[in-house]
């Protein structure tokens, strides 16, 4: 089953099912360094493995940037 989702404004297609944790791993993104918003709702980092990516989802991955 193919899943299409918008990730940071880019349409992507995945072979499902897929968790948010698996999405981040596939993109090479550390879950500790980002906030994930799915359909305008910020997800709890502790639940990334339990939250599934659904067909038509809009996902924003916001990276923390350090500096001073």
PDB file of N, CA and C in Angstrom:
ATOM      1  N   UNK A   1       0.841  -1.179   0.000  1.00  0.00           N
ATOM      2  CA  UNK A   1       0.000   0.000   0.000  1.00  0.00           C
ATOM      3  C   UNK A   1       0.887   1.244   0.000  1.00  0.00           C
ATOM      4  N   UNK A   2       0.719   2.078  -0.982  1.00  0.00           N
ATOM      5  CA  UNK A   2       1.513   3.304  -1.084  1.00  0.00           C
ATOM      6  C   UNK A   2       0.855   4.418  -0.273  1.00  0.00           C
ATOM      7  N   UNK A   3       1.681   5.182   0.403  1.00  0.00           N
ATOM      8  CA  UNK A   3       1.224   6.325   1.190  1.00  0.00           C
ATOM      9  C   UNK A   3       1.868   7.568   0.601  1.00  0.00           C
ATOM     10  N   UNK A   4       1.043   8.566   0.332  1.00  0.00           N
ATOM     11  CA  UNK A   4       1.557   9.857  -0.142  1.00  0.00           C
ATOM     12  C   UNK A   4       1.363  10.875   0.965  1.00  0.00           C
ATOM     13  N   UNK A   5       2.409  11.628   1.232  1.00  0.00           N
ATOM     14  CA  UNK A   5       2.345  12.663   2.264  1.00  0.00           C
ATOM     15  C   UNK A   5       3.218  13.831   1.828  1.00  0.00           C
ATOM     16  N   UNK A   6       2.841  15.010   2.285  1.00  0.00           N
ATOM     17  CA  UNK A   6       3.661  16.199   2.064  1.00  0.00           C
ATOM     18  C   UNK A   6       4.613  16.299   3.255  1.00  0.00           C
ATOM     19  N   UNK A   7       5.912  16.316   2.974  1.00  0.00           N
ATOM     20  CA  UNK A   7       6.921  16.433   4.027  1.00  0.00           C
ATOM     21  C   UNK A   7       7.726  17.690   3.749  1.00  0.00           C
ATOM     22  N   UNK A   8       7.574  18.664   4.641  1.00  0.00           N
ATOM     23  CA  UNK A   8       8.221  19.973   4.469  1.00  0.00           C
ATOM     24  C   UNK A   8       7.944  20.556   3.084  1.00  0.00           C
ATOM     25  N   UNK A   9       6.687  20.449   2.662  1.00  0.00           N
ATOM     26  CA  UNK A   9       6.250  21.049   1.409  1.00  0.00           C
ATOM     27  C   UNK A   9       6.556  20.246   0.157  1.00  0.00           C
ATOM     28  N   UNK A  10       7.133  19.053   0.317  1.00  0.00           N
ATOM     29  CA  UNK A  10       7.481  18.216  -0.841  1.00  0.00           C
ATOM     30  C   UNK A  10       6.669  16.929  -0.781  1.00  0.00           C
ATOM     31  N   UNK A  11       5.976  16.622  -1.883  1.00  0.00           N
ATOM     32  CA  UNK A  11       5.210  15.374  -1.902  1.00  0.00           C
ATOM     33  C   UNK A  11       6.160  14.190  -1.959  1.00  0.00           C
ATOM     34  N   UNK A  12       5.922  13.225  -1.061  1.00  0.00           N
ATOM     35  CA  UNK A  12       6.739  12.024  -1.004  1.00  0.00           C
ATOM     36  C   UNK A  12       5.821  10.820  -0.996  1.00  0.00           C
ATOM     37  N   UNK A  13       6.320   9.700  -1.492  1.00  0.00           N
ATOM     38  CA  UNK A  13       5.550   8.465  -1.497  1.00  0.00           C
ATOM     39  C   UNK A  13       6.343   7.394  -0.767  1.00  0.00           C
ATOM     40  N   UNK A  14       5.647   6.629   0.068  1.00  0.00           N
ATOM     41  CA  UNK A  14       6.268   5.589   0.878  1.00  0.00           C
ATOM     42  C   UNK A  14       5.472   4.311   0.738  1.00  0.00           C
ATOM     43  N   UNK A  15       6.150   3.193   0.958  1.00  0.00           N
ATOM     44  CA  UNK A  15       5.456   1.922   1.057  1.00  0.00           C
ATOM     45  C   UNK A  15       5.060   1.756   2.518  1.00  0.00           C
ATOM     46  N   UNK A  16       3.777   1.707   2.787  1.00  0.00           N
ATOM     47  CA  UNK A  16       3.278   1.697   4.163  1.00  0.00           C
ATOM     48  C   UNK A  16       3.127   0.302   4.708  1.00  0.00           C
ATOM     49  N   UNK A  17       2.778   0.194   5.971  1.00  0.00           N
ATOM     50  CA  UNK A  17       2.619   1.296   6.919  1.00  0.00           C
ATOM     51  C   UNK A  17       3.972   1.848   7.367  1.00  0.00           C
ATOM     52  N   UNK A  18       3.917   3.073   7.903  1.00  0.00           N
ATOM     53  CA  UNK A  18       5.136   3.786   8.253  1.00  0.00           C
ATOM     54  C   UNK A  18       4.882   4.628   9.498  1.00  0.00           C
ATOM     55  N   UNK A  19       5.755   4.499  10.491  1.00  0.00           N
ATOM     56  CA  UNK A  19       5.632   5.344  11.684  1.00  0.00           C
ATOM     57  C   UNK A  19       6.427   6.629  11.471  1.00  0.00           C
ATOM     58  N   UNK A  20       6.158   7.607  12.302  1.00  0.00           N
ATOM     59  CA  UNK A  20       6.912   8.863  12.239  1.00  0.00           C
ATOM     60  C   UNK A  20       8.387   8.579  12.533  1.00  0.00           C
ATOM     61  N   UNK A  21       8.671   7.680  13.482  1.00  0.00           N
ATOM     62  CA  UNK A  21      10.065   7.321  13.787  1.00  0.00           C
ATOM     63  C   UNK A  21      10.744   6.711  12.566  1.00  0.00           C
ATOM     64  N   UNK A  22      10.043   5.852  11.833  1.00  0.00           N
ATOM     65  CA  UNK A  22      10.606   5.236  10.631  1.00  0.00           C
ATOM     66  C   UNK A  22      10.810   6.268   9.527  1.00  0.00           C
ATOM     67  N   UNK A  23       9.896   7.219   9.428  1.00  0.00           N
ATOM     68  CA  UNK A  23      10.044   8.307   8.458  1.00  0.00           C
ATOM     69  C   UNK A  23      11.325   9.086   8.744  1.00  0.00           C
ATOM     70  N   UNK A  24      11.518   9.478  10.003  1.00  0.00           N
ATOM     71  CA  UNK A  24      12.709  10.242  10.376  1.00  0.00           C
ATOM     72  C   UNK A  24      13.977   9.439  10.110  1.00  0.00           C
ATOM     73  N   UNK A  25      13.954   8.162  10.462  1.00  0.00           N
ATOM     74  CA  UNK A  25      15.124   7.305  10.233  1.00  0.00           C
ATOM     75  C   UNK A  25      15.440   7.220   8.742  1.00  0.00           C
ATOM     76  N   UNK A  26      14.415   7.048   7.931  1.00  0.00           N
ATOM     77  CA  UNK A  26      14.604   6.967   6.488  1.00  0.00           C
ATOM     78  C   UNK A  26      15.158   8.247   5.888  1.00  0.00           C
ATOM     79  N   UNK A  27      14.840   9.372   6.518  1.00  0.00           N
ATOM     80  CA  UNK A  27      15.340  10.668   6.049  1.00  0.00           C
ATOM     81  C   UNK A  27      16.687  11.026   6.670  1.00  0.00           C
ATOM     82  N   UNK A  28      17.185  10.183   7.586  1.00  0.00           N
ATOM     83  CA  UNK A  28      18.466  10.446   8.241  1.00  0.00           C
ATOM     84  C   UNK A  28      18.392  11.571   9.255  1.00  0.00           C
ATOM     85  N   UNK A  29      17.230  11.709   9.902  1.00  0.00           N
ATOM     86  CA  UNK A  29      17.004  12.795  10.849  1.00  0.00           C
ATOM     87  C   UNK A  29      16.925  12.218  12.263  1.00  0.00           C
ATOM     88  N   UNK A  30      17.685  12.780  13.180  1.00  0.00           N
ATOM     89  CA  UNK A  30      17.641  12.348  14.576  1.00  0.00           C
ATOM     90  C   UNK A  30      16.367  12.860  15.237  1.00  0.00           C
ATOM     91  N   UNK A  31      15.576  11.975  15.837  1.00  0.00           N
ATOM     92  CA  UNK A  31      14.348  12.426  16.484  1.00  0.00           C
ATOM     93  C   UNK A  31      14.591  13.346  17.677  1.00  0.00           C
ATOM     94  N   UNK A  32      15.785  13.334  18.209  1.00  0.00           N
ATOM     95  CA  UNK A  32      16.104  14.189  19.364  1.00  0.00           C
ATOM     96  C   UNK A  32      16.361  15.628  18.966  1.00  0.00           C
ATOM     97  N   UNK A  33      16.577  15.861  17.671  1.00  0.00           N
ATOM     98  CA  UNK A  33      16.953  17.201  17.214  1.00  0.00           C
ATOM     99  C   UNK A  33      15.836  17.910  16.452  1.00  0.00           C
ATOM    100  N   UNK A  34      14.609  17.340  16.509  1.00  0.00           N
ATOM    101  CA  UNK A  34      13.526  17.939  15.727  1.00  0.00           C
ATOM    102  C   UNK A  34      12.214  17.961  16.503  1.00  0.00           C
ATOM    103  N   UNK A  35      11.332  18.802  16.007  1.00  0.00           N
ATOM    104  CA  UNK A  35       9.923  18.788  16.392  1.00  0.00           C
ATOM    105  C   UNK A  35       9.177  18.374  15.135  1.00  0.00           C
ATOM    106  N   UNK A  36       8.179  17.505  15.296  1.00  0.00           N
ATOM    107  CA  UNK A  36       7.396  17.063  14.147  1.00  0.00           C
ATOM    108  C   UNK A  36       5.958  17.528  14.318  1.00  0.00           C
ATOM    109  N   UNK A  37       5.465  18.167  13.270  1.00  0.00           N
ATOM    110  CA  UNK A  37       4.078  18.635  13.241  1.00  0.00           C
ATOM    111  C   UNK A  37       3.364  17.843  12.143  1.00  0.00           C
ATOM    112  N   UNK A  38       2.257  17.204  12.503  1.00  0.00           N
ATOM    113  CA  UNK A  38       1.462  16.461  11.520  1.00  0.00           C
ATOM    114  C   UNK A  38       0.070  17.073  11.483  1.00  0.00           C
ATOM    115  N   UNK A  39      -0.312  17.555  10.320  1.00  0.00           N
ATOM    116  CA  UNK A  39      -1.630  18.160  10.129  1.00  0.00           C
ATOM    117  C   UNK A  39      -1.902  19.241  11.182  1.00  0.00           C
ATOM    118  N   UNK A  40      -0.898  20.108  11.380  1.00  0.00           N
ATOM    119  CA  UNK A  40      -0.952  21.268  12.272  1.00  0.00           C
ATOM    120  C   UNK A  40      -0.966  20.920  13.760  1.00  0.00           C
ATOM    121  N   UNK A  41      -0.646  19.665  14.105  1.00  0.00           N
ATOM    122  CA  UNK A  41      -0.585  19.241  15.506  1.00  0.00           C
ATOM    123  C   UNK A  41       0.837  18.777  15.798  1.00  0.00           C
ATOM    124  N   UNK A  42       1.444  19.355  16.841  1.00  0.00           N
ATOM    125  CA  UNK A  42       2.798  18.952  17.243  1.00  0.00           C
ATOM    126  C   UNK A  42       2.710  17.604  17.953  1.00  0.00           C
ATOM    127  N   UNK A  43       3.545  16.664  17.496  1.00  0.00           N
ATOM    128  CA  UNK A  43       3.531  15.315  18.050  1.00  0.00           C
ATOM    129  C   UNK A  43       4.472  15.193  19.239  1.00  0.00           C
ATOM    130  N   UNK A  44       4.100  14.335  20.174  1.00  0.00           N
ATOM    131  CA  UNK A  44       4.930  14.034  21.340  1.00  0.00           C
ATOM    132  C   UNK A  44       6.102  13.161  20.894  1.00  0.00           C
ATOM    133  N   UNK A  45       7.302  13.616  21.120  1.00  0.00           N
ATOM    134  CA  UNK A  45       8.511  12.909  20.693  1.00  0.00           C
ATOM    135  C   UNK A  45       8.532  11.466  21.218  1.00  0.00           C
ATOM    136  N   UNK A  46       8.030  11.241  22.415  1.00  0.00           N
ATOM    137  CA  UNK A  46       8.036   9.903  23.009  1.00  0.00           C
ATOM    138  C   UNK A  46       7.098   8.943  22.282  1.00  0.00           C
ATOM    139  N   UNK A  47       6.251   9.464  21.409  1.00  0.00           N
ATOM    140  CA  UNK A  47       5.279   8.622  20.703  1.00  0.00           C
ATOM    141  C   UNK A  47       5.557   8.507  19.199  1.00  0.00           C
ATOM    142  N   UNK A  48       6.717   8.967  18.732  1.00  0.00           N
ATOM    143  CA  UNK A  48       7.038   8.910  17.299  1.00  0.00           C
ATOM    144  C   UNK A  48       6.905   7.485  16.745  1.00  0.00           C
ATOM    145  N   UNK A  49       7.310   6.474  17.513  1.00  0.00           N
ATOM    146  CA  UNK A  49       7.248   5.089  17.034  1.00  0.00           C
ATOM    147  C   UNK A  49       5.809   4.585  16.946  1.00  0.00           C
ATOM    148  N   UNK A  50       4.912   5.200  17.704  1.00  0.00           N
ATOM    149  CA  UNK A  50       3.510   4.768  17.730  1.00  0.00           C
ATOM    150  C   UNK A  50       2.626   5.558  16.770  1.00  0.00           C
ATOM    151  N   UNK A  51       3.087   6.735  16.365  1.00  0.00           N
ATOM    152  CA  UNK A  51       2.301   7.592  15.466  1.00  0.00           C
ATOM    153  C   UNK A  51       2.552   7.166  14.026  1.00  0.00           C
ATOM    154  N   UNK A  52       1.486   6.849  13.304  1.00  0.00           N
ATOM    155  CA  UNK A  52       1.669   6.403  11.924  1.00  0.00           C
ATOM    156  C   UNK A  52       1.434   7.544  10.939  1.00  0.00           C
ATOM    157  N   UNK A  53       2.151   7.467   9.838  1.00  0.00           N
ATOM    158  CA  UNK A  53       1.974   8.414   8.739  1.00  0.00           C
ATOM    159  C   UNK A  53       0.816   7.892   7.904  1.00  0.00           C
ATOM    160  N   UNK A  54      -0.179   8.747   7.672  1.00  0.00           N
ATOM    161  CA  UNK A  54      -1.367   8.367   6.911  1.00  0.00           C
ATOM    162  C   UNK A  54      -1.342   9.015   5.537  1.00  0.00           C
ATOM    163  N   UNK A  55      -1.995   8.370   4.582  1.00  0.00           N
ATOM    164  CA  UNK A  55      -2.108   8.922   3.241  1.00  0.00           C
ATOM    165  C   UNK A  55      -2.731  10.310   3.312  1.00  0.00           C
ATOM    166  N   UNK A  56      -2.102  11.278   2.685  1.00  0.00           N
ATOM    167  CA  UNK A  56      -2.608  12.649   2.663  1.00  0.00           C
ATOM    168  C   UNK A  56      -2.126  13.530   3.799  1.00  0.00           C
ATOM    169  N   UNK A  57      -1.330  12.985   4.711  1.00  0.00           N
ATOM    170  CA  UNK A  57      -0.807  13.787   5.828  1.00  0.00           C
ATOM    171  C   UNK A  57       0.092  14.911   5.325  1.00  0.00           C
ATOM    172  N   UNK A  58       0.119  15.986   6.096  1.00  0.00           N
ATOM    173  CA  UNK A  58       1.045  17.082   5.881  1.00  0.00           C
ATOM    174  C   UNK A  58       1.967  17.113   7.094  1.00  0.00           C
ATOM    175  N   UNK A  59       3.249  16.875   6.857  1.00  0.00           N
ATOM    176  CA  UNK A  59       4.212  16.752   7.951  1.00  0.00           C
ATOM    177  C   UNK A  59       5.289  17.815   7.793  1.00  0.00           C
ATOM    178  N   UNK A  60       5.544  18.524   8.874  1.00  0.00           N
ATOM    179  CA  UNK A  60       6.633  19.502   8.924  1.00  0.00           C
ATOM    180  C   UNK A  60       7.634  19.008   9.946  1.00  0.00           C
ATOM    181  N   UNK A  61       8.888  18.926   9.547  1.00  0.00           N
ATOM    182  CA  UNK A  61       9.975  18.533  10.438  1.00  0.00           C
ATOM    183  C   UNK A  61      10.797  19.790  10.688  1.00  0.00           C
ATOM    184  N   UNK A  62      10.777  20.228  11.938  1.00  0.00           N
ATOM    185  CA  UNK A  62      11.441  21.475  12.306  1.00  0.00           C
ATOM    186  C   UNK A  62      12.694  21.131  13.088  1.00  0.00           C
ATOM    187  N   UNK A  63      13.854  21.515  12.552  1.00  0.00           N
ATOM    188  CA  UNK A  63      15.138  21.212  13.178  1.00  0.00           C
ATOM    189  C   UNK A  63      15.534  22.323  14.138  1.00  0.00           C
ATOM    190  N   UNK A  64      16.126  21.921  15.257  1.00  0.00           N
ATOM    191  CA  UNK A  64      16.671  22.886  16.194  1.00  0.00           C
ATOM    192  C   UNK A  64      17.996  23.398  15.667  1.00  0.00           C
ATOM    193  N   UNK A  65      18.195  24.698  15.775  1.00  0.00           N
ATOM    194  CA  UNK A  65      19.434  25.311  15.338  1.00  0.00           C
ATOM    195  C   UNK A  65      20.038  26.036  16.532  1.00  0.00           C
ATOM    196  N   UNK A  66      21.286  25.703  16.843  1.00  0.00           N
ATOM    197  CA  UNK A  66      21.955  26.338  17.964  1.00  0.00           C
ATOM    198  C   UNK A  66      22.735  27.555  17.510  1.00  0.00           C
ATOM    199  N   UNK A  67      23.063  28.359  18.433  1.00  0.00           N
ATOM    200  CA  UNK A  67      23.849  29.546  18.103  1.00  0.00           C
ATOM    201  C   UNK A  67      23.761  30.536  19.253  1.00  0.00           C
ATOM    202  N   UNK A  68      24.453  31.604  19.078  1.00  0.00           N
ATOM    203  CA  UNK A  68      24.372  32.542  20.183  1.00  0.00           C
ATOM    204  C   UNK A  68      25.011  33.844  19.895  1.00  0.00           C
TER     205      UNK A  68
END
